[in-house]
Protein backbone atom coordinates (compact mmCIF):
# COMPACT_ATOMS: atom_id res chain seq x y z
CA MET A 1 0.34 0.16 -0.27
CA GLN A 2 2.64 2.64 0.57
CA VAL A 3 4.39 1.63 -2.77
CA SER A 4 1.50 1.95 -4.55
CA GLY A 5 1.00 5.69 -2.50
CA SER A 6 4.44 6.26 -3.28
CA ARG A 7 3.95 6.05 -6.98
CA SER A 8 0.65 7.39 -6.93
CA ILE A 9 2.51 10.78 -5.81
CA ARG A 10 5.53 10.50 -8.40
CA LEU A 11 2.72 9.84 -11.12
CA GLY A 12 0.93 12.91 -9.48
CA ILE A 13 4.19 14.66 -9.55
CA LEU A 14 5.04 14.19 -13.34
CA ARG A 15 1.56 14.74 -14.08
CA SER A 16 2.03 18.68 -13.01
CA TRP A 17 4.98 18.65 -15.07
CA TRP A 18 3.96 17.75 -17.94
CA ARG A 19 0.48 19.70 -18.14
CA ASP A 20 1.77 23.07 -15.98
CA PRO A 21 1.99 25.79 -18.36
CA LEU A 22 4.74 27.44 -19.18
CA ASP A 23 4.14 31.61 -19.89
CA TYR A 24 6.79 32.46 -22.46
CA ARG A 25 5.39 35.73 -22.36
CA TRP A 26 5.57 36.48 -18.83
CA LEU A 27 8.70 34.78 -18.46
CA VAL A 28 10.21 37.22 -20.90
CA ARG A 29 8.55 40.13 -19.34
CA THR A 30 10.23 38.88 -15.95
CA PHE A 31 13.66 38.77 -17.37
CA LYS A 32 13.32 42.08 -18.93
CA ALA A 33 12.17 43.62 -15.54
CA ARG A 34 14.44 42.30 -13.93
CA GLY A 35 17.13 43.54 -16.34
CA ALA A 36 18.05 40.02 -17.19
CA LEU A 37 16.93 39.99 -20.70
CA GLY A 38 20.15 41.91 -22.33
CA MET A 39 22.56 39.37 -20.03
CA MET A 40 20.39 36.09 -21.32
CA LYS A 41 20.38 37.50 -25.16
CA SER A 42 24.30 37.95 -24.62
CA ILE A 43 24.68 34.56 -23.56
CA VAL A 44 22.00 33.15 -26.25
CA VAL A 45 24.03 35.15 -29.45
CA MET A 46 27.69 33.71 -28.08
CA VAL A 47 26.11 30.16 -27.58
CA SER A 48 24.89 30.63 -31.08
CA LEU A 49 28.30 31.88 -32.80
CA SER A 50 30.13 29.14 -30.86
CA LEU A 51 27.84 26.89 -32.64
CA ALA A 52 28.51 28.44 -36.53
CA VAL A 53 32.22 28.33 -35.08
CA ILE A 54 31.91 24.74 -34.30
CA THR A 55 30.42 23.81 -37.17
CA GLY A 56 32.47 26.32 -39.88
CA LEU A 57 35.92 24.30 -38.19
CA SER A 58 35.01 21.09 -39.63
CA LEU A 59 35.34 22.64 -43.26
CA TYR A 60 38.95 22.46 -42.24
CA SER A 61 39.35 19.31 -41.19
CA THR A 62 41.15 16.52 -42.93
CA ALA A 63 38.06 14.55 -41.77
CA GLY A 64 35.65 16.88 -42.75
CA PRO A 65 32.62 16.83 -45.49
CA ALA A 66 33.64 16.51 -49.30
CA GLY A 67 31.09 16.56 -52.08
CA TRP A 68 28.12 17.73 -51.84
CA ALA A 69 28.08 17.23 -47.99
CA ARG A 70 30.33 20.14 -48.18
CA ALA A 71 27.89 22.05 -49.35
CA ILE A 72 25.65 21.52 -47.28
CA THR A 73 27.86 22.33 -44.24
CA VAL A 74 29.03 25.52 -45.85
CA PHE A 75 25.15 26.54 -45.92
CA THR A 76 24.53 25.21 -42.15
CA THR A 77 27.38 27.84 -41.38
CA THR A 78 25.95 30.83 -43.37
CA MET A 79 22.42 29.52 -41.91
CA MET A 80 23.98 30.05 -37.69
CA ILE A 81 26.16 33.14 -38.88
CA ALA A 82 22.54 34.71 -40.05
CA GLY A 83 20.69 33.19 -36.83
CA THR A 84 23.40 34.72 -34.61
CA VAL A 85 23.11 38.01 -36.37
CA LEU A 86 19.23 38.09 -36.18
CA TRP A 87 19.88 37.38 -32.31
CA GLY A 88 22.14 40.08 -31.88
CA PHE A 89 20.40 42.69 -33.73
CA TRP A 90 16.08 42.43 -33.77
CA PRO A 91 14.72 42.37 -30.73
CA TRP A 92 14.15 39.10 -28.32
CA PRO A 93 11.69 36.92 -30.84
CA ASN A 94 7.88 36.20 -29.43
CA GLU A 95 6.58 32.83 -29.22
CA ARG A 96 6.00 31.69 -32.36
CA PHE A 97 9.39 33.30 -34.04
CA SER A 98 11.35 31.26 -31.29
CA LEU A 99 10.16 27.88 -31.69
CA ALA A 100 10.44 28.61 -35.62
CA ARG A 101 14.37 29.23 -34.71
CA MET A 102 14.80 26.30 -32.16
CA ALA A 103 13.29 23.75 -34.93
CA THR A 104 16.03 25.54 -37.58
CA VAL A 105 18.63 25.37 -34.89
CA ASP A 106 17.64 21.83 -34.64
CA VAL A 107 17.71 20.59 -38.33
CA LEU A 108 20.66 22.63 -39.40
CA ILE A 109 22.54 20.31 -36.52
CA THR A 110 21.90 17.26 -37.45
CA CYS A 111 22.38 17.81 -41.15
CA GLY A 112 25.60 19.42 -40.35
CA CYS A 113 26.75 15.93 -38.36
CA LEU A 114 25.01 13.79 -41.38
CA ALA A 115 27.54 16.00 -43.95
CA ASP A 116 30.89 14.85 -41.78
CA SER A 117 32.47 12.44 -43.13
CA ASN A 118 33.94 11.10 -40.33
CA ARG A 119 30.75 9.25 -38.76
CA LEU A 120 31.72 8.82 -34.90
CA PHE A 121 33.18 12.42 -34.89
CA GLY A 122 29.60 13.40 -36.51
CA THR A 123 27.33 11.82 -33.97
CA LEU A 124 29.30 13.02 -31.41
CA SER A 125 28.73 16.61 -32.42
CA LEU A 126 25.13 16.22 -31.98
CA MET A 127 25.77 17.10 -28.66
CA MET A 128 25.54 20.46 -29.87
CA LEU A 129 21.84 19.69 -29.79
CA VAL A 130 22.39 20.72 -25.65
CA ALA A 131 22.04 24.17 -26.42
CA PRO A 132 18.50 24.62 -28.22
CA GLY A 133 17.43 21.92 -25.81
CA GLY A 134 18.84 24.27 -22.85
CA TYR A 135 17.28 27.01 -24.56
CA ILE A 136 13.80 25.46 -24.68
CA ALA A 137 13.85 23.90 -21.46
CA MET A 138 14.04 27.36 -20.11
CA PHE A 139 11.58 29.20 -22.32
CA HIS A 140 9.25 26.34 -24.14
CA GLY A 141 8.17 23.51 -21.43
CA PRO A 142 8.31 20.25 -21.57
CA ARG A 143 6.14 19.61 -23.78
CA VAL A 144 8.12 21.64 -26.51
CA LEU A 145 11.35 19.73 -25.15
CA VAL A 146 9.66 16.18 -25.53
CA LEU A 147 9.85 17.13 -29.47
CA HIS A 148 13.42 17.88 -29.67
CA GLU A 149 14.46 15.14 -27.37
CA GLY A 150 12.62 12.84 -30.19
CA TRP A 151 14.48 14.77 -32.40
CA SER A 152 17.70 14.31 -30.78
CA LEU A 153 17.07 10.62 -30.31
CA VAL A 154 16.10 10.37 -34.08
CA SER A 155 19.35 12.04 -34.87
CA VAL A 156 21.64 10.15 -32.74
CA LEU A 157 20.26 6.90 -33.95
CA LEU A 158 20.07 7.74 -37.77
CA LEU A 159 24.40 8.49 -36.83
CA ALA A 160 25.08 5.92 -34.99
CA GLY A 161 23.83 3.47 -38.08
CA LEU A 162 25.81 5.18 -40.62
CA MET A 163 28.71 4.90 -38.48
CA LEU A 164 28.08 0.83 -37.50
CA ARG A 165 27.73 0.45 -41.55
CA GLU A 166 30.83 2.12 -42.42
CA HIS A 167 32.62 0.82 -39.43
CA GLY A 168 32.20 -2.75 -40.02
CA ASN A 169 29.51 -3.88 -37.74
CA ASP A 170 31.63 -2.53 -34.53
CA VAL A 171 27.72 -3.08 -32.27
CA ALA A 172 30.18 -2.28 -29.26
CA GLU A 173 31.37 0.91 -30.68
CA ALA A 174 28.09 2.13 -32.11
CA ALA A 175 26.46 1.04 -28.22
CA SER A 176 29.13 3.42 -26.57
CA VAL A 177 28.56 5.71 -28.61
CA VAL A 178 24.82 6.13 -28.77
CA LEU A 179 24.55 6.06 -24.56
CA THR A 180 27.32 8.67 -24.58
CA THR A 181 25.55 10.91 -26.90
CA ALA A 182 21.80 9.88 -25.82
CA ALA A 183 22.57 10.48 -22.40
CA VAL A 184 23.77 14.27 -22.68
CA THR A 185 21.62 15.56 -25.89
CA VAL A 186 18.28 13.33 -24.73
CA MET A 187 18.82 12.51 -21.05
CA LEU A 188 19.95 15.87 -19.36
CA MET A 189 17.88 18.11 -20.71
CA PRO A 190 14.10 17.00 -19.25
CA ALA A 191 16.35 16.11 -16.12
CA LEU A 192 17.31 19.85 -15.64
CA GLN A 193 13.51 21.35 -16.72
CA PHE A 194 11.93 19.09 -14.52
CA CYS A 195 14.60 20.74 -11.40
CA TYR A 196 13.77 24.00 -13.44
CA TRP A 197 10.07 23.48 -12.86
CA VAL A 198 9.81 22.78 -9.25
CA LEU A 199 12.03 25.47 -7.99
CA ARG A 200 9.07 27.74 -10.25
CA ILE A 201 6.66 26.46 -8.60
CA ASP A 202 8.40 27.00 -5.23
CA ALA A 203 8.42 30.71 -6.27
CA LEU A 204 5.25 30.97 -7.38
CA THR A 205 3.76 29.09 -4.06
CA ASP A 206 2.83 30.21 -0.40
CA PRO A 207 4.42 28.18 2.00
CA LEU A 208 2.20 28.28 4.48
CA THR A 209 -1.03 27.79 2.88
CA GLY A 210 -0.04 25.28 -0.54
CA LEU A 211 -1.80 28.15 -2.08
CA LEU A 212 -0.39 30.66 -5.12
CA ASN A 213 0.84 33.57 -3.99
CA ARG A 214 0.75 37.35 -5.47
CA ARG A 215 3.39 36.50 -8.08
CA GLY A 216 1.88 32.77 -8.92
CA LEU A 217 -1.42 34.91 -9.49
CA ASP A 218 0.28 37.22 -11.24
CA TYR A 219 2.11 34.30 -13.82
CA TYR A 220 -0.93 31.91 -13.80
CA SER A 221 -3.67 35.42 -14.81
CA SER A 222 -1.52 36.56 -17.52
CA ALA A 223 -2.93 34.54 -19.73
CA TRP A 224 -6.31 35.03 -19.17
CA PHE A 225 -5.70 39.07 -20.01
CA ARG A 226 -4.14 38.75 -23.43
CA PRO A 227 -5.54 40.49 -26.20
CA ARG A 228 -7.24 37.42 -27.83
CA ALA A 229 -8.57 36.46 -24.70
CA CYS A 230 -12.64 36.73 -24.21
CA GLY A 231 -15.38 36.29 -22.29
CA PRO A 232 -15.99 37.46 -18.11
CA LEU A 233 -14.03 37.65 -16.04
CA GLY A 234 -14.72 37.54 -12.54
CA LEU A 235 -12.43 38.34 -9.23
CA ILE A 236 -13.15 37.79 -5.44
CA THR A 237 -11.15 39.29 -2.60
CA VAL A 238 -11.63 37.36 0.43
CA ASP A 239 -10.48 38.93 3.86
CA LEU A 240 -10.71 37.26 7.10
CA ASP A 241 -12.60 39.43 10.20
CA ARG A 242 -11.04 39.39 13.22
CA PHE A 243 -7.74 37.67 12.21
CA LYS A 244 -6.18 40.12 14.43
CA ASN A 245 -7.97 39.63 17.69
CA LEU A 246 -7.35 35.26 17.39
CA ASN A 247 -3.64 35.46 16.63
CA ASP A 248 -3.26 38.34 19.83
CA THR A 249 -5.91 35.85 21.97
CA TYR A 250 -4.22 32.45 20.64
CA GLY A 251 -1.11 33.08 19.15
CA HIS A 252 0.75 33.12 15.58
CA SER A 253 -0.18 29.40 15.34
CA ALA A 254 -3.29 30.21 15.57
CA GLY A 255 -3.45 32.20 12.92
CA ASP A 256 -1.99 30.12 11.04
CA GLN A 257 -3.60 27.51 11.44
CA ALA A 258 -7.02 29.45 10.29
CA LEU A 259 -5.38 30.94 7.22
CA VAL A 260 -4.28 26.64 6.46
CA ARG A 261 -8.36 26.13 6.92
CA VAL A 262 -9.76 28.49 4.75
CA ALA A 263 -7.49 28.07 1.73
CA THR A 264 -8.55 24.35 1.82
CA CYS A 265 -12.33 25.67 1.93
CA LEU A 266 -11.54 27.95 -1.04
CA ARG A 267 -9.94 25.54 -2.55
CA ALA A 268 -12.18 22.48 -2.47
CA SER A 269 -15.01 24.68 -3.20
CA VAL A 270 -13.99 26.82 -6.56
CA PRO A 271 -15.08 25.44 -10.01
CA SER A 272 -12.08 23.74 -11.76
CA GLY A 273 -9.94 26.02 -13.86
CA THR A 274 -10.57 29.04 -11.47
CA VAL A 275 -6.59 30.73 -9.90
CA VAL A 276 -6.86 31.00 -6.31
CA ALA A 277 -3.86 32.89 -4.48
CA ARG A 278 -3.31 33.94 -1.15
CA SER A 279 -2.17 37.74 -2.02
CA GLY A 280 -1.05 38.45 1.43
CA GLY A 281 -1.66 38.68 5.10
CA GLU A 282 -5.10 37.42 5.78
CA GLU A 283 -6.24 38.49 2.38
CA PHE A 284 -7.05 35.51 -0.36
CA ILE A 285 -8.12 36.46 -4.21
CA ILE A 286 -9.94 34.30 -6.82
CA LEU A 287 -9.72 34.98 -10.36
CA THR A 288 -12.88 33.11 -12.45
CA ARG A 289 -14.64 32.97 -15.70
CA LEU A 290 -17.83 33.59 -14.05
CA ALA A 291 -20.53 36.37 -15.14
CA GLU A 292 -21.84 38.61 -12.69
CA ASP A 293 -24.29 36.16 -11.15
CA SER A 294 -22.43 33.17 -10.91
CA ALA A 295 -19.58 35.04 -9.15
CA VAL A 296 -21.65 36.58 -6.69
CA ALA A 297 -23.53 33.03 -6.16
CA GLU A 298 -19.98 31.48 -6.07
CA ALA A 299 -19.00 34.45 -3.55
CA GLU A 300 -21.49 33.57 -1.08
CA ARG A 301 -20.94 29.84 -1.51
CA MET A 302 -17.36 30.83 -0.36
CA CYS A 303 -18.52 33.42 2.76
CA GLN A 304 -20.87 30.38 4.47
CA ALA A 305 -18.41 28.18 4.18
CA VAL A 306 -15.44 29.89 5.88
CA GLU A 307 -17.89 31.05 8.72
CA SER A 308 -19.24 27.41 8.73
CA ASP A 309 -15.99 25.23 8.71
CA CYS A 310 -13.09 28.05 10.03
CA GLY A 311 -14.25 29.62 12.82
CA PRO A 312 -13.98 32.24 14.80
CA VAL A 313 -13.03 33.90 11.90
CA THR A 314 -15.56 34.44 9.20
CA ALA A 315 -14.91 36.37 5.93
CA SER A 316 -15.41 39.72 4.28
CA VAL A 317 -15.65 38.98 0.74
CA GLY A 318 -15.27 41.87 -2.28
CA VAL A 319 -16.55 41.07 -5.92
CA ALA A 320 -15.41 42.66 -9.71
CA VAL A 321 -16.69 41.53 -12.68
CA THR A 322 -16.19 42.62 -16.37
CA ASP A 323 -17.94 40.73 -19.38
CA SER A 324 -15.97 41.90 -21.52
CA GLY A 325 -12.91 39.98 -21.07
CA PRO A 326 -9.96 41.57 -20.68
CA VAL A 327 -10.28 44.68 -23.13
CA GLY A 328 -10.38 47.45 -21.32
CA ALA A 329 -9.75 45.88 -17.76
CA SER A 330 -6.27 44.24 -16.72
CA LEU A 331 -5.60 42.00 -13.03
CA GLN A 332 -4.61 45.25 -11.12
CA ASP A 333 -7.97 47.50 -12.24
CA LEU A 334 -10.16 44.16 -11.27
CA ILE A 335 -8.00 43.56 -8.08
CA ARG A 336 -8.40 47.57 -6.89
CA SER A 337 -12.18 47.29 -7.88
CA SER A 338 -12.68 43.63 -5.49
CA ASP A 339 -11.01 45.43 -2.80
CA ALA A 340 -12.75 48.46 -2.69
CA ALA A 341 -16.15 46.21 -2.44
CA MET A 342 -14.50 44.03 -0.01
CA TYR A 343 -13.48 47.37 2.17
CA ARG A 344 -17.35 48.15 2.34
CA ALA A 345 -18.56 44.46 3.08
CA LYS A 346 -16.10 45.17 6.07
CA GLN A 347 -17.68 48.93 6.88
CA LEU A 348 -20.75 47.38 6.99
CA GLY A 349 -20.15 44.55 9.98
CA GLY A 350 -17.87 41.81 7.80
CA ASN A 351 -19.32 38.12 7.01
CA MET A 352 -20.82 39.71 3.89
CA VAL A 353 -20.04 39.68 0.08
CA VAL A 354 -20.61 43.37 -1.98
CA VAL A 355 -20.58 43.71 -5.57
CA THR A 356 -18.37 46.49 -7.20
CA THR A 357 -20.50 49.18 -8.93
């Protein structure tokens, strides 16, 4: 039973990792806000230039390509130099162009390795696929990374097959090269991306309640406010009544327990797909795709659930809704409106729901 439970936990973690969306726009915006996008761009340029140099040097090797294969290598090197210039002098690409560039780099690396007359060197040179793999792991998430790893594995097996045919069917040599190259190009990046995901989730999560924190709310709601998004958006602010008295009377541990109970209560009562966060102190924010009537009904259920399950605290709840989706509204606009309604509920005695006007 314990083994089965551990297996279920591991599968649950892997499922969460696989399904968790990596918001490319939010990530680029964060790098830019931190002043790190320029540094990241410089790193990408240096790596891109290194790949171009490595590919180009094979033209001067005695074991380098010849005939039509040399023409392919010249083309591959030229394209990599062009890509370096593109990264250096053009703005950071949007998500679609970023994916197109990485797919192009994957193809160019494989073609350059296939053009090498020395199959052993060409197969080992596939380790250059680690460069686009690292970029994809950081900016595009596990699903795109799996496609890259699939391409890498096919490339390794193809080059190993050619090497096996030309090296007198030396199976041990081919197996050794396949395992060495695959360990670097296929196995390393998913492990690093998983570690990166765990650290990112930890940074976006409130350690006490397990809900999203304010940064996590911004991250997971950013896709809701894209220009093409449509449909109603409702934001519910929940602030606990008499929480300070609870802390002063019974200590902060009692307050922490109350926050955990409220978090559990909110998580259990919201519809699927809703974003729930602890925005700070005793305040919680719920972002949902509900029209006004449904959002108010949901807020009423939350208010009653907190009163019945999380005593001695109750909740003052504010609701703000935009029926036109993100057009003319932002997350901060909804938070300000919902906060104003929540403070009105407190002024009226608490343990009630007020809708912004």
